[in-house]
Amino acid sequence: MTKFSQEYMQIIMVTDKDNISTLPFAERVRLGVQKALRKLAEESALKGESLVVKIEGEVKEVPAKDLLANMPKAR
């Protein structure tokens, strides 16, 4: 697992039981961005596309399917 996936993709997903409105605004924004990033990776993987990411200070083009494989599953 890359440093990128260890640090950046540690996602705390809100389950249906959780009330998102009780979370601080910054946490809700973070969760929304994470949800959008996962959706981008999923859609790109279906099309066989790559995404550009920064890993350990280096910009790399990574196949979306590989990036998606390192992301925690959505709950």
PDB file of N, CA and C in Angstrom:
ATOM      1  N   MET A   1       0.849  -1.174   0.000  1.00  0.00           N
ATOM      2  CA  MET A   1       0.000   0.000   0.000  1.00  0.00           C
ATOM      3  C   MET A   1       0.896   1.239   0.000  1.00  0.00           C
ATOM      4  N   THR A   2       0.567   2.197  -0.829  1.00  0.00           N
ATOM      5  CA  THR A   2       1.396   3.390  -0.949  1.00  0.00           C
ATOM      6  C   THR A   2       1.140   4.361   0.197  1.00  0.00           C
ATOM      7  N   LYS A   3       2.055   5.301   0.343  1.00  0.00           N
ATOM      8  CA  LYS A   3       1.887   6.340   1.359  1.00  0.00           C
ATOM      9  C   LYS A   3       0.601   7.119   1.094  1.00  0.00           C
ATOM     10  N   PHE A   4       0.308   7.341  -0.194  1.00  0.00           N
ATOM     11  CA  PHE A   4      -0.909   8.050  -0.573  1.00  0.00           C
ATOM     12  C   PHE A   4      -2.141   7.340  -0.028  1.00  0.00           C
ATOM     13  N   SER A   5      -2.205   6.044  -0.245  1.00  0.00           N
ATOM     14  CA  SER A   5      -3.392   5.314   0.198  1.00  0.00           C
ATOM     15  C   SER A   5      -3.452   5.204   1.712  1.00  0.00           C
ATOM     16  N   GLN A   6      -2.309   5.167   2.374  1.00  0.00           N
ATOM     17  CA  GLN A   6      -2.306   5.071   3.832  1.00  0.00           C
ATOM     18  C   GLN A   6      -2.765   6.362   4.482  1.00  0.00           C
ATOM     19  N   GLU A   7      -2.241   7.490   4.020  1.00  0.00           N
ATOM     20  CA  GLU A   7      -2.530   8.760   4.672  1.00  0.00           C
ATOM     21  C   GLU A   7      -3.814   9.402   4.172  1.00  0.00           C
ATOM     22  N   TYR A   8      -3.995   9.409   2.854  1.00  0.00           N
ATOM     23  CA  TYR A   8      -5.079  10.183   2.277  1.00  0.00           C
ATOM     24  C   TYR A   8      -6.396   9.431   2.191  1.00  0.00           C
ATOM     25  N   MET A   9      -6.342   8.134   2.027  1.00  0.00           N
ATOM     26  CA  MET A   9      -7.558   7.383   1.785  1.00  0.00           C
ATOM     27  C   MET A   9      -8.100   6.658   3.006  1.00  0.00           C
ATOM     28  N   GLN A  10      -7.694   7.065   4.197  1.00  0.00           N
ATOM     29  CA  GLN A  10      -8.280   6.494   5.401  1.00  0.00           C
ATOM     30  C   GLN A  10      -9.629   7.181   5.596  1.00  0.00           C
ATOM     31  N   ILE A  11     -10.678   6.485   5.218  1.00  0.00           N
ATOM     32  CA  ILE A  11     -12.008   7.082   5.208  1.00  0.00           C
ATOM     33  C   ILE A  11     -12.829   6.560   6.370  1.00  0.00           C
ATOM     34  N   ILE A  12     -13.435   7.496   7.084  1.00  0.00           N
ATOM     35  CA  ILE A  12     -14.395   7.143   8.122  1.00  0.00           C
ATOM     36  C   ILE A  12     -15.758   7.404   7.509  1.00  0.00           C
ATOM     37  N   MET A  13     -16.425   6.328   7.128  1.00  0.00           N
ATOM     38  CA  MET A  13     -17.709   6.470   6.460  1.00  0.00           C
ATOM     39  C   MET A  13     -18.832   6.566   7.488  1.00  0.00           C
ATOM     40  N   VAL A  14     -19.778   7.406   7.203  1.00  0.00           N
ATOM     41  CA  VAL A  14     -20.940   7.558   8.066  1.00  0.00           C
ATOM     42  C   VAL A  14     -21.971   6.523   7.639  1.00  0.00           C
ATOM     43  N   THR A  15     -22.434   5.734   8.580  1.00  0.00           N
ATOM     44  CA  THR A  15     -23.437   4.721   8.260  1.00  0.00           C
ATOM     45  C   THR A  15     -24.826   5.332   8.353  1.00  0.00           C
ATOM     46  N   ASP A  16     -25.820   4.577   7.908  1.00  0.00           N
ATOM     47  CA  ASP A  16     -27.195   5.064   7.947  1.00  0.00           C
ATOM     48  C   ASP A  16     -27.643   5.370   9.367  1.00  0.00           C
ATOM     49  N   LYS A  17     -27.073   4.666  10.348  1.00  0.00           N
ATOM     50  CA  LYS A  17     -27.477   4.872  11.737  1.00  0.00           C
ATOM     51  C   LYS A  17     -26.976   6.205  12.285  1.00  0.00           C
ATOM     52  N   ASP A  18     -25.883   6.690  11.718  1.00  0.00           N
ATOM     53  CA  ASP A  18     -25.305   7.942  12.194  1.00  0.00           C
ATOM     54  C   ASP A  18     -26.107   9.124  11.667  1.00  0.00           C
ATOM     55  N   ASN A  19     -26.192  10.157  12.482  1.00  0.00           N
ATOM     56  CA  ASN A  19     -26.872  11.374  12.066  1.00  0.00           C
ATOM     57  C   ASN A  19     -25.801  12.366  11.647  1.00  0.00           C
ATOM     58  N   ILE A  20     -25.654  12.544  10.352  1.00  0.00           N
ATOM     59  CA  ILE A  20     -24.577  13.388   9.831  1.00  0.00           C
ATOM     60  C   ILE A  20     -24.719  14.836  10.281  1.00  0.00           C
ATOM     61  N   SER A  21     -25.927  15.280  10.571  1.00  0.00           N
ATOM     62  CA  SER A  21     -26.123  16.676  10.967  1.00  0.00           C
ATOM     63  C   SER A  21     -25.512  16.987  12.324  1.00  0.00           C
ATOM     64  N   THR A  22     -25.182  15.961  13.102  1.00  0.00           N
ATOM     65  CA  THR A  22     -24.564  16.208  14.407  1.00  0.00           C
ATOM     66  C   THR A  22     -23.048  16.362  14.300  1.00  0.00           C
ATOM     67  N   LEU A  23     -22.487  16.039  13.145  1.00  0.00           N
ATOM     68  CA  LEU A  23     -21.044  16.166  12.952  1.00  0.00           C
ATOM     69  C   LEU A  23     -20.669  17.623  12.714  1.00  0.00           C
ATOM     70  N   PRO A  24     -19.448  18.009  13.084  1.00  0.00           N
ATOM     71  CA  PRO A  24     -18.987  19.371  12.787  1.00  0.00           C
ATOM     72  C   PRO A  24     -18.979  19.611  11.275  1.00  0.00           C
ATOM     73  N   PHE A  25     -19.132  20.865  10.887  1.00  0.00           N
ATOM     74  CA  PHE A  25     -19.197  21.223   9.472  1.00  0.00           C
ATOM     75  C   PHE A  25     -17.978  20.722   8.704  1.00  0.00           C
ATOM     76  N   ALA A  26     -16.790  20.907   9.253  1.00  0.00           N
ATOM     77  CA  ALA A  26     -15.564  20.487   8.564  1.00  0.00           C
ATOM     78  C   ALA A  26     -15.569  18.984   8.302  1.00  0.00           C
ATOM     79  N   GLU A  27     -16.089  18.211   9.235  1.00  0.00           N
ATOM     80  CA  GLU A  27     -16.158  16.754   9.065  1.00  0.00           C
ATOM     81  C   GLU A  27     -17.155  16.387   7.971  1.00  0.00           C
ATOM     82  N   ARG A  28     -18.272  17.101   7.913  1.00  0.00           N
ATOM     83  CA  ARG A  28     -19.261  16.839   6.856  1.00  0.00           C
ATOM     84  C   ARG A  28     -18.681  17.158   5.482  1.00  0.00           C
ATOM     85  N   VAL A  29     -17.919  18.258   5.402  1.00  0.00           N
ATOM     86  CA  VAL A  29     -17.276  18.612   4.131  1.00  0.00           C
ATOM     87  C   VAL A  29     -16.277  17.525   3.741  1.00  0.00           C
ATOM     88  N   ARG A  30     -15.460  17.079   4.696  1.00  0.00           N
ATOM     89  CA  ARG A  30     -14.467  16.037   4.434  1.00  0.00           C
ATOM     90  C   ARG A  30     -15.138  14.765   3.923  1.00  0.00           C
ATOM     91  N   LEU A  31     -16.232  14.372   4.559  1.00  0.00           N
ATOM     92  CA  LEU A  31     -16.948  13.165   4.135  1.00  0.00           C
ATOM     93  C   LEU A  31     -17.521  13.323   2.731  1.00  0.00           C
ATOM     94  N   GLY A  32     -18.022  14.512   2.426  1.00  0.00           N
ATOM     95  CA  GLY A  32     -18.549  14.770   1.089  1.00  0.00           C
ATOM     96  C   GLY A  32     -17.477  14.689   0.017  1.00  0.00           C
ATOM     97  N   VAL A  33     -16.304  15.243   0.321  1.00  0.00           N
ATOM     98  CA  VAL A  33     -15.186  15.186  -0.626  1.00  0.00           C
ATOM     99  C   VAL A  33     -14.740  13.738  -0.828  1.00  0.00           C
ATOM    100  N   GLN A  34     -14.673  12.976   0.247  1.00  0.00           N
ATOM    101  CA  GLN A  34     -14.271  11.573   0.137  1.00  0.00           C
ATOM    102  C   GLN A  34     -15.268  10.775  -0.694  1.00  0.00           C
ATOM    103  N   LYS A  35     -16.542  11.057  -0.504  1.00  0.00           N
ATOM    104  CA  LYS A  35     -17.575  10.370  -1.279  1.00  0.00           C
ATOM    105  C   LYS A  35     -17.427  10.715  -2.766  1.00  0.00           C
ATOM    106  N   ALA A  36     -17.153  11.982  -3.054  1.00  0.00           N
ATOM    107  CA  ALA A  36     -16.977  12.416  -4.439  1.00  0.00           C
ATOM    108  C   ALA A  36     -15.732  11.787  -5.062  1.00  0.00           C
ATOM    109  N   LEU A  37     -14.643  11.689  -4.292  1.00  0.00           N
ATOM    110  CA  LEU A  37     -13.419  11.067  -4.801  1.00  0.00           C
ATOM    111  C   LEU A  37     -13.630   9.591  -5.116  1.00  0.00           C
ATOM    112  N   ARG A  38     -14.367   8.907  -4.258  1.00  0.00           N
ATOM    113  CA  ARG A  38     -14.645   7.486  -4.506  1.00  0.00           C
ATOM    114  C   ARG A  38     -15.493   7.327  -5.772  1.00  0.00           C
ATOM    115  N   LYS A  39     -16.498   8.192  -5.923  1.00  0.00           N
ATOM    116  CA  LYS A  39     -17.352   8.128  -7.110  1.00  0.00           C
ATOM    117  C   LYS A  39     -16.529   8.388  -8.373  1.00  0.00           C
ATOM    118  N   LEU A  40     -15.623   9.369  -8.312  1.00  0.00           N
ATOM    119  CA  LEU A  40     -14.746   9.658  -9.445  1.00  0.00           C
ATOM    120  C   LEU A  40     -13.891   8.443  -9.791  1.00  0.00           C
ATOM    121  N   ALA A  41     -13.318   7.811  -8.787  1.00  0.00           N
ATOM    122  CA  ALA A  41     -12.477   6.630  -9.014  1.00  0.00           C
ATOM    123  C   ALA A  41     -13.297   5.483  -9.600  1.00  0.00           C
ATOM    124  N   GLU A  42     -14.514   5.279  -9.090  1.00  0.00           N
ATOM    125  CA  GLU A  42     -15.370   4.198  -9.593  1.00  0.00           C
ATOM    126  C   GLU A  42     -15.744   4.421 -11.055  1.00  0.00           C
ATOM    127  N   GLU A  43     -16.169   5.643 -11.379  1.00  0.00           N
ATOM    128  CA  GLU A  43     -16.579   5.937 -12.750  1.00  0.00           C
ATOM    129  C   GLU A  43     -15.393   5.868 -13.710  1.00  0.00           C
ATOM    130  N   SER A  44     -14.245   6.351 -13.263  1.00  0.00           N
ATOM    131  CA  SER A  44     -13.042   6.305 -14.100  1.00  0.00           C
ATOM    132  C   SER A  44     -12.582   4.867 -14.317  1.00  0.00           C
ATOM    133  N   ALA A  45     -12.680   4.043 -13.287  1.00  0.00           N
ATOM    134  CA  ALA A  45     -12.282   2.637 -13.404  1.00  0.00           C
ATOM    135  C   ALA A  45     -13.173   1.907 -14.409  1.00  0.00           C
ATOM    136  N   LEU A  46     -14.463   2.206 -14.407  1.00  0.00           N
ATOM    137  CA  LEU A  46     -15.381   1.572 -15.358  1.00  0.00           C
ATOM    138  C   LEU A  46     -15.027   1.915 -16.803  1.00  0.00           C
ATOM    139  N   LYS A  47     -14.478   3.107 -17.005  1.00  0.00           N
ATOM    140  CA  LYS A  47     -14.114   3.555 -18.348  1.00  0.00           C
ATOM    141  C   LYS A  47     -12.676   3.195 -18.717  1.00  0.00           C
ATOM    142  N   GLY A  48     -11.953   2.582 -17.771  1.00  0.00           N
ATOM    143  CA  GLY A  48     -10.562   2.220 -18.028  1.00  0.00           C
ATOM    144  C   GLY A  48      -9.619   3.411 -18.023  1.00  0.00           C
ATOM    145  N   GLU A  49      -9.984   4.474 -17.331  1.00  0.00           N
ATOM    146  CA  GLU A  49      -9.185   5.697 -17.306  1.00  0.00           C
ATOM    147  C   GLU A  49      -8.187   5.699 -16.155  1.00  0.00           C
ATOM    148  N   SER A  50      -7.299   6.673 -16.191  1.00  0.00           N
ATOM    149  CA  SER A  50      -6.320   6.879 -15.126  1.00  0.00           C
ATOM    150  C   SER A  50      -6.602   8.209 -14.446  1.00  0.00           C
ATOM    151  N   LEU A  51      -6.103   8.349 -13.224  1.00  0.00           N
ATOM    152  CA  LEU A  51      -6.218   9.598 -12.476  1.00  0.00           C
ATOM    153  C   LEU A  51      -4.815  10.067 -12.122  1.00  0.00           C
ATOM    154  N   VAL A  52      -4.641  11.368 -12.023  1.00  0.00           N
ATOM    155  CA  VAL A  52      -3.351  11.943 -11.659  1.00  0.00           C
ATOM    156  C   VAL A  52      -3.374  12.226 -10.165  1.00  0.00           C
ATOM    157  N   VAL A  53      -2.380  11.684  -9.454  1.00  0.00           N
ATOM    158  CA  VAL A  53      -2.295  11.849  -7.997  1.00  0.00           C
ATOM    159  C   VAL A  53      -0.870  12.225  -7.615  1.00  0.00           C
ATOM    160  N   LYS A  54      -0.720  12.758  -6.423  1.00  0.00           N
ATOM    161  CA  LYS A  54       0.602  13.089  -5.894  1.00  0.00           C
ATOM    162  C   LYS A  54       0.946  12.047  -4.842  1.00  0.00           C
ATOM    163  N   ILE A  55       2.033  11.316  -5.064  1.00  0.00           N
ATOM    164  CA  ILE A  55       2.467  10.260  -4.154  1.00  0.00           C
ATOM    165  C   ILE A  55       3.891  10.572  -3.725  1.00  0.00           C
ATOM    166  N   GLU A  56       4.074  10.773  -2.432  1.00  0.00           N
ATOM    167  CA  GLU A  56       5.390  11.079  -1.869  1.00  0.00           C
ATOM    168  C   GLU A  56       6.070  12.215  -2.619  1.00  0.00           C
ATOM    169  N   GLY A  57       5.308  13.279  -2.890  1.00  0.00           N
ATOM    170  CA  GLY A  57       5.851  14.466  -3.533  1.00  0.00           C
ATOM    171  C   GLY A  57       6.021  14.370  -5.036  1.00  0.00           C
ATOM    172  N   GLU A  58       5.654  13.253  -5.617  1.00  0.00           N
ATOM    173  CA  GLU A  58       5.806  13.045  -7.054  1.00  0.00           C
ATOM    174  C   GLU A  58       4.429  12.876  -7.697  1.00  0.00           C
ATOM    175  N   VAL A  59       4.196  13.609  -8.781  1.00  0.00           N
ATOM    176  CA  VAL A  59       2.933  13.513  -9.506  1.00  0.00           C
ATOM    177  C   VAL A  59       2.997  12.286 -10.406  1.00  0.00           C
ATOM    178  N   LYS A  60       1.970  11.432 -10.287  1.00  0.00           N
ATOM    179  CA  LYS A  60       1.936  10.188 -11.065  1.00  0.00           C
ATOM    180  C   LYS A  60       0.552   9.984 -11.664  1.00  0.00           C
ATOM    181  N   GLU A  61       0.531   9.298 -12.784  1.00  0.00           N
ATOM    182  CA  GLU A  61      -0.729   8.881 -13.395  1.00  0.00           C
ATOM    183  C   GLU A  61      -0.956   7.428 -12.994  1.00  0.00           C
ATOM    184  N   VAL A  62      -2.084   7.173 -12.321  1.00  0.00           N
ATOM    185  CA  VAL A  62      -2.373   5.850 -11.777  1.00  0.00           C
ATOM    186  C   VAL A  62      -3.685   5.352 -12.380  1.00  0.00           C
ATOM    187  N   PRO A  63      -3.728   4.109 -12.852  1.00  0.00           N
ATOM    188  CA  PRO A  63      -5.006   3.567 -13.327  1.00  0.00           C
ATOM    189  C   PRO A  63      -6.052   3.647 -12.209  1.00  0.00           C
ATOM    190  N   ALA A  64      -7.230   4.117 -12.550  1.00  0.00           N
ATOM    191  CA  ALA A  64      -8.280   4.291 -11.545  1.00  0.00           C
ATOM    192  C   ALA A  64      -8.614   2.980 -10.850  1.00  0.00           C
ATOM    193  N   LYS A  65      -8.537   1.868 -11.570  1.00  0.00           N
ATOM    194  CA  LYS A  65      -8.847   0.579 -10.940  1.00  0.00           C
ATOM    195  C   LYS A  65      -7.838   0.249  -9.843  1.00  0.00           C
ATOM    196  N   ASP A  66      -6.565   0.630 -10.018  1.00  0.00           N
ATOM    197  CA  ASP A  66      -5.557   0.401  -8.984  1.00  0.00           C
ATOM    198  C   ASP A  66      -5.795   1.300  -7.778  1.00  0.00           C
ATOM    199  N   LEU A  67      -6.133   2.541  -8.049  1.00  0.00           N
ATOM    200  CA  LEU A  67      -6.427   3.477  -6.967  1.00  0.00           C
ATOM    201  C   LEU A  67      -7.653   3.008  -6.191  1.00  0.00           C
ATOM    202  N   LEU A  68      -8.661   2.572  -6.894  1.00  0.00           N
ATOM    203  CA  LEU A  68      -9.889   2.092  -6.266  1.00  0.00           C
ATOM    204  C   LEU A  68      -9.629   0.858  -5.413  1.00  0.00           C
ATOM    205  N   ALA A  69      -8.717   0.007  -5.838  1.00  0.00           N
ATOM    206  CA  ALA A  69      -8.392  -1.204  -5.075  1.00  0.00           C
ATOM    207  C   ALA A  69      -7.775  -0.868  -3.718  1.00  0.00           C
ATOM    208  N   ASN A  70      -7.126   0.288  -3.604  1.00  0.00           N
ATOM    209  CA  ASN A  70      -6.506   0.700  -2.347  1.00  0.00           C
ATOM    210  C   ASN A  70      -7.424   1.529  -1.458  1.00  0.00           C
ATOM    211  N   MET A  71      -8.602   1.855  -1.962  1.00  0.00           N
ATOM    212  CA  MET A  71      -9.545   2.653  -1.177  1.00  0.00           C
ATOM    213  C   MET A  71     -10.405   1.729  -0.323  1.00  0.00           C
ATOM    214  N   PRO A  72     -10.711   2.155   0.902  1.00  0.00           N
ATOM    215  CA  PRO A  72     -11.644   1.369   1.716  1.00  0.00           C
ATOM    216  C   PRO A  72     -13.003   1.300   1.028  1.00  0.00           C
ATOM    217  N   LYS A  73     -13.682   0.205   1.217  1.00  0.00           N
ATOM    218  CA  LYS A  73     -15.013   0.040   0.635  1.00  0.00           C
ATOM    219  C   LYS A  73     -15.999   0.972   1.324  1.00  0.00           C
ATOM    220  N   ALA A  74     -16.924   1.521   0.549  1.00  0.00           N
ATOM    221  CA  ALA A  74     -17.977   2.364   1.108  1.00  0.00           C
ATOM    222  C   ALA A  74     -18.949   1.479   1.873  1.00  0.00           C
ATOM    223  N   ARG A  75     -19.475   2.008   2.945  1.00  0.00           N
ATOM    224  CA  ARG A  75     -20.446   1.239   3.740  1.00  0.00           C
ATOM    225  C   ARG A  75     -21.853   1.569   3.357  1.00  0.00           C
TER     226      ARG A  75
END
